[in-house]
Protein backbone atom coordinates (compact mmCIF):
# COMPACT_ATOMS: atom_id res chain seq x y z
CA MET A 1 106.40 95.41 113.91
CA ALA A 2 105.69 92.25 110.87
CA ALA A 3 102.81 89.74 112.32
CA VAL A 4 104.47 86.49 112.21
CA VAL A 5 103.35 84.38 108.89
CA THR A 6 104.13 80.48 109.51
CA LEU A 7 103.81 79.32 105.41
CA PRO A 8 103.30 75.57 105.09
CA ASP A 9 106.48 73.59 103.55
CA PHE A 10 106.76 73.66 100.20
CA GLU A 11 108.37 71.07 97.62
CA ALA A 12 108.58 72.21 94.17
CA LEU A 13 109.61 76.15 95.52
CA GLU A 14 111.95 78.12 97.59
CA THR A 15 110.93 81.47 100.21
CA ASP A 16 113.29 83.89 100.94
CA ARG A 17 111.18 86.66 104.34
CA ASP A 18 112.79 90.13 105.28
CA GLY A 19 110.39 91.86 106.98
CA GLY A 20 107.34 92.16 105.29
CA TRP A 21 108.89 91.26 101.98
CA LEU A 22 108.55 87.50 100.22
CA THR A 23 110.60 86.61 97.85
CA VAL A 24 109.75 83.12 95.93
CA TRP A 25 111.90 81.48 94.49
CA PHE A 26 110.81 78.19 91.94
CA ASN A 27 114.02 76.15 91.99
CA THR A 28 114.40 73.29 89.42
CA PRO A 29 116.16 75.02 86.97
CA GLU A 30 117.43 71.41 85.62
CA ASN A 31 113.15 71.61 84.17
CA ARG A 32 113.74 75.03 83.49
CA ASN A 33 111.36 75.59 86.77
CA ALA A 34 107.95 73.99 84.01
CA LEU A 35 104.82 74.49 85.85
CA THR A 36 104.69 70.69 87.33
CA ASP A 37 101.65 69.41 89.18
CA ALA A 38 103.96 70.06 92.35
CA ARG A 39 104.95 73.36 91.62
CA VAL A 40 100.88 74.54 90.91
CA GLY A 41 99.85 72.66 93.77
CA ASP A 42 102.86 74.29 96.10
CA LEU A 43 102.23 77.56 94.08
CA LEU A 44 97.79 77.36 95.14
CA SER A 45 98.90 76.55 99.05
CA LEU A 46 100.93 79.66 98.83
CA CYS A 47 98.38 81.93 97.90
CA ALA A 48 95.85 81.00 100.25
CA ALA A 49 98.65 81.59 103.49
CA LEU A 50 99.46 84.95 101.55
CA ASN A 51 95.92 86.40 101.56
CA ALA A 52 95.88 85.58 106.14
CA ALA A 53 98.81 86.86 106.10
CA PRO A 54 99.04 90.81 106.10
CA GLY A 55 102.20 91.44 107.51
CA ILE A 56 103.63 90.53 104.28
CA ARG A 57 103.71 93.51 101.64
CA GLY A 58 104.45 91.86 98.91
CA VAL A 59 105.55 89.30 96.59
CA THR A 60 108.70 88.66 94.55
CA PHE A 61 108.60 85.97 92.27
CA ARG A 62 111.73 84.14 90.43
CA GLY A 63 113.36 80.58 89.63
CA ARG A 64 116.70 79.63 90.32
CA GLY A 65 119.09 78.97 87.73
CA GLU A 66 118.20 82.60 85.95
CA VAL A 67 115.86 81.08 84.32
CA PHE A 68 111.70 82.52 85.10
CA CYS A 69 109.65 79.13 83.81
CA ALA A 70 109.54 77.77 80.99
CA GLY A 71 105.27 76.86 81.57
CA GLY A 72 103.26 73.26 81.56
CA ASP A 73 105.48 69.87 82.01
CA LEU A 74 105.44 68.90 78.54
CA LYS A 75 106.91 65.52 80.20
CA SER A 76 103.68 65.10 82.38
CA PHE A 77 101.38 65.79 79.55
CA ARG A 78 102.86 63.79 77.36
CA ALA A 79 102.34 60.87 79.88
CA ASN A 80 99.76 61.24 80.89
CA PHE A 81 97.23 62.78 79.50
CA GLN A 82 98.56 61.54 75.21
CA GLY A 83 98.46 57.28 77.02
CA GLY A 84 94.46 57.31 77.32
CA ALA A 85 93.54 59.86 79.72
CA GLU A 86 89.81 60.81 79.25
CA ARG A 87 88.78 64.25 78.57
CA GLU A 88 87.47 64.95 82.23
CA GLU A 89 90.82 64.76 83.73
CA ILE A 90 92.27 66.82 81.58
CA VAL A 91 88.99 69.35 81.48
CA ARG A 92 90.00 69.54 85.37
CA MET A 93 93.65 69.97 85.16
CA SER A 94 93.51 72.74 83.49
CA LEU A 95 90.80 73.94 85.76
CA ARG A 96 93.69 73.83 88.35
CA ALA A 97 95.53 76.16 86.28
CA GLY A 98 92.88 78.64 85.69
CA ASP A 99 92.55 78.58 89.07
CA LEU A 100 96.69 78.91 90.11
CA PHE A 101 96.18 82.84 87.26
CA ASP A 102 93.04 83.65 89.15
CA ALA A 103 95.18 82.72 92.98
CA VAL A 104 98.10 84.40 91.51
CA ALA A 105 96.51 87.67 90.01
CA GLY A 106 94.72 88.35 93.23
CA LEU A 107 96.73 88.38 95.55
CA PRO A 108 96.26 91.39 98.47
CA GLN A 109 100.67 91.83 97.76
CA TYR A 110 101.69 93.73 95.11
CA THR A 111 103.74 91.45 93.29
CA VAL A 112 106.81 91.73 91.50
CA MET A 113 107.65 89.36 88.56
CA ALA A 114 111.47 89.02 87.63
CA ILE A 115 112.25 87.45 84.67
CA GLU A 116 115.90 86.02 83.68
CA GLY A 117 116.58 83.79 81.35
CA ALA A 118 112.46 81.93 79.67
CA ALA A 119 109.38 82.66 80.61
CA MET A 120 107.71 80.97 77.99
CA ALA A 121 103.91 79.44 78.24
CA GLY A 122 102.13 79.19 81.05
CA GLY A 123 105.54 80.55 82.68
CA MET A 124 104.91 84.09 80.33
CA GLY A 125 101.21 84.01 82.04
CA LEU A 126 102.31 83.75 85.62
CA ALA A 127 103.61 87.05 84.36
CA CYS A 128 101.51 88.16 83.31
CA CYS A 129 99.14 87.89 86.67
CA GLY A 130 102.09 90.29 88.11
CA ASP A 131 101.22 93.76 89.01
CA TYR A 132 105.31 94.72 88.03
CA VAL A 133 107.25 92.99 86.17
CA VAL A 134 111.02 93.78 85.39
CA ALA A 135 112.98 91.53 83.21
CA ARG A 136 116.77 91.27 81.96
CA THR A 137 117.28 92.26 78.77
CA ASP A 138 118.20 88.84 77.67
CA ALA A 139 115.31 87.53 79.06
CA LEU A 140 113.42 85.41 75.84
CA PHE A 141 108.91 85.77 75.91
CA GLY A 142 106.86 83.79 73.98
CA LEU A 143 103.62 81.55 73.97
CA SER A 144 104.22 79.14 72.16
CA GLU A 145 101.41 76.17 72.66
CA THR A 146 100.04 76.82 68.52
CA ARG A 147 103.36 75.76 67.29
CA ILE A 148 102.92 72.85 69.69
CA GLY A 149 99.19 72.00 68.88
CA LEU A 150 97.45 73.18 72.16
CA SER A 151 96.24 76.32 73.01
CA PRO A 152 96.44 79.02 75.26
CA ALA A 153 93.39 78.57 76.57
CA GLN A 154 94.18 79.32 81.03
CA ILE A 155 96.70 82.97 80.11
CA ALA A 156 94.72 84.15 77.43
CA PRO A 157 92.80 86.49 79.39
CA PHE A 158 96.22 87.86 81.63
CA VAL A 159 97.79 88.15 78.35
CA LEU A 160 95.07 90.57 76.76
CA ARG A 161 94.55 91.72 79.54
CA ARG A 162 98.85 92.49 80.02
CA LEU A 163 99.70 93.42 76.52
CA GLY A 164 95.99 94.26 75.05
CA LEU A 165 93.92 93.05 72.51
CA ARG A 166 95.44 93.60 69.40
CA ALA A 167 99.20 92.81 70.48
CA GLY A 168 98.10 89.82 72.89
CA ARG A 169 96.34 88.10 70.28
CA GLN A 170 98.54 88.51 68.00
CA MET A 171 100.88 86.82 70.15
CA MET A 172 98.97 83.96 71.41
CA MET A 173 98.36 82.83 67.59
CA THR A 174 101.42 83.08 66.10
CA GLY A 175 103.52 81.77 69.05
CA ALA A 176 105.66 84.56 68.27
CA ARG A 177 109.22 85.19 70.89
CA PHE A 178 109.99 88.28 71.69
CA SER A 179 113.28 89.42 74.02
CA GLY A 180 113.06 91.25 77.04
CA GLN A 181 114.26 94.28 74.87
CA GLU A 182 110.75 93.53 73.29
CA ALA A 183 108.67 92.59 75.94
CA ARG A 184 109.33 96.78 77.46
CA GLU A 185 108.32 98.11 74.44
CA LEU A 186 105.09 96.36 73.73
CA GLY A 187 104.65 96.63 77.46
CA MET A 188 104.81 93.27 78.77
CA ALA A 189 107.71 94.75 80.86
CA ASP A 190 107.60 97.38 83.09
CA ALA A 191 111.90 97.97 83.60
CA LEU A 192 114.78 96.05 82.39
CA ALA A 193 117.77 94.58 84.08
CA ALA A 194 121.44 94.28 82.34
CA ASP A 195 122.26 91.88 84.86
CA ALA A 196 121.70 90.18 88.41
CA ALA A 197 123.12 93.10 90.19
CA GLU A 198 120.29 95.20 87.89
CA MET A 199 117.72 92.42 88.71
CA ASP A 200 117.68 93.69 92.83
CA ARG A 201 118.71 96.45 92.17
CA ALA A 202 114.95 97.41 89.89
CA ILE A 203 113.06 94.88 92.71
CA ALA A 204 114.97 96.99 95.92
CA GLU A 205 113.11 99.84 94.50
CA GLN A 206 110.04 98.89 94.33
CA ARG A 207 110.02 97.86 97.61
CA ARG A 208 110.91 100.74 98.49
CA LEU A 209 107.96 102.27 96.83
CA ILE A 210 105.58 99.86 98.40
CA ALA A 211 106.96 100.34 101.59
CA GLY A 212 105.03 104.11 101.63
CA VAL A 213 101.80 102.32 100.75
CA ALA A 214 99.13 101.49 103.48
CA PRO A 215 98.24 97.65 102.81
CA GLY A 216 94.90 97.71 103.52
CA ALA A 217 94.72 100.31 100.65
CA LEU A 218 96.69 98.97 98.32
CA ALA A 219 94.22 95.24 98.88
CA SER A 220 91.81 97.53 98.35
CA VAL A 221 92.62 99.19 95.12
CA LYS A 222 93.72 95.64 93.72
CA ALA A 223 90.33 94.34 94.03
CA GLN A 224 88.90 97.53 92.93
CA ILE A 225 90.43 97.22 89.74
CA ALA A 226 90.22 93.26 89.16
CA ALA A 227 86.83 93.70 89.38
CA LEU A 228 85.71 96.86 87.07
CA PRO A 229 85.90 94.64 84.00
CA PHE A 230 82.97 92.41 85.28
CA GLN A 231 80.79 95.72 86.55
CA SER A 232 78.30 98.18 84.90
CA ARG A 233 79.02 101.44 85.53
CA ALA A 234 76.24 101.50 88.43
CA GLU A 235 78.26 98.99 89.70
CA GLN A 236 81.07 100.65 89.33
CA LYS A 237 79.90 103.57 91.38
CA GLN A 238 78.47 101.98 94.04
CA ALA A 239 81.44 99.68 95.13
CA ALA A 240 83.92 102.46 94.57
CA ALA A 241 81.97 103.85 96.97
CA GLU A 242 81.32 101.38 99.13
CA SER A 243 85.65 101.23 99.13
CA PHE A 244 86.37 104.35 99.76
CA ALA A 245 83.20 104.64 102.99
CA ASP A 246 85.88 101.41 104.65
CA ARG A 247 89.02 102.64 103.35
CA MET A 248 88.01 106.31 105.24
CA LEU A 249 85.98 104.34 108.16
CA SER A 250 89.50 102.10 108.39
CA ASP A 251 92.71 102.25 110.88
CA GLU A 252 94.48 102.86 108.66
CA ALA A 253 93.32 106.30 107.11
CA ARG A 254 93.01 107.50 110.86
CA VAL A 255 96.60 106.62 110.78
CA GLY A 256 97.63 108.26 108.26
CA ILE A 257 95.71 111.51 107.68
CA GLY A 258 96.85 112.32 111.42
CA ALA A 259 100.18 111.65 110.64
CA PHE A 260 99.76 113.62 107.21
CA PHE A 261 98.62 116.58 109.56
CA GLU A 262 101.21 116.06 112.16
CA LYS A 263 104.25 115.89 109.44
CA ARG A 264 105.22 112.33 110.67
CA LYS A 265 105.34 108.96 109.01
CA PRO A 266 102.31 106.93 109.35
CA ARG A 267 102.80 103.66 111.48
CA TRP A 268 103.21 101.42 107.94
CA MET A 269 106.00 103.34 107.14
CA GLU A 270 108.07 103.13 110.38
CA GLY A 271 111.74 101.32 110.80
């Protein structure tokens, strides 16, 4: 049975728990589910809670009103930061956004980004933080910052990680927009869905796959992948050896290897 998880109360998010899977809904389609200060705060609180929630195996991020996220809250930017704000205040806001993208990318759970409607600017950056991206064929992606005099700043590392240097830098510099179909061709999306029902089926398939994966092993793999670019080859080998030893001595490995030889499902696949 999945462990009981108590999540904080949220203003700018809705959550729907189904066993070991959590669906997180951005719930303000009237502003295209923008990354308002309240939503950023809620997402940071959510990520902190999920890091202490081993009973949750996977998380889907999705937007109400069939729109994912239009990025930063431009009305707030104009009112708060172009009306005499101190430069340090803008730096603090940007660093907080960086904390958000780090937090989502660093979740120990498997994360699915379900892209319907627009995933623009910071919304596209948020999508790039996911482990798996499924997009509607008619979705709209874009990094529009340069077209309004800004830069993609904090999302740049995640865009490059997902798209690669060649495509990522082109998208960031030109502010190009592209469809869900084009997103699949670029590698932004892992799968396409023609409609909401097909989107639900694609998410259900990812849930099925993750049900067969040991949660601790999944978290270990995610942590290793995140650290690799910052390690020397010697550090990579040492960290891999330490991780493998931890896994070999874990209860999960005892259960999993025992189940293999006994030709039965391991504990995390029961039920």
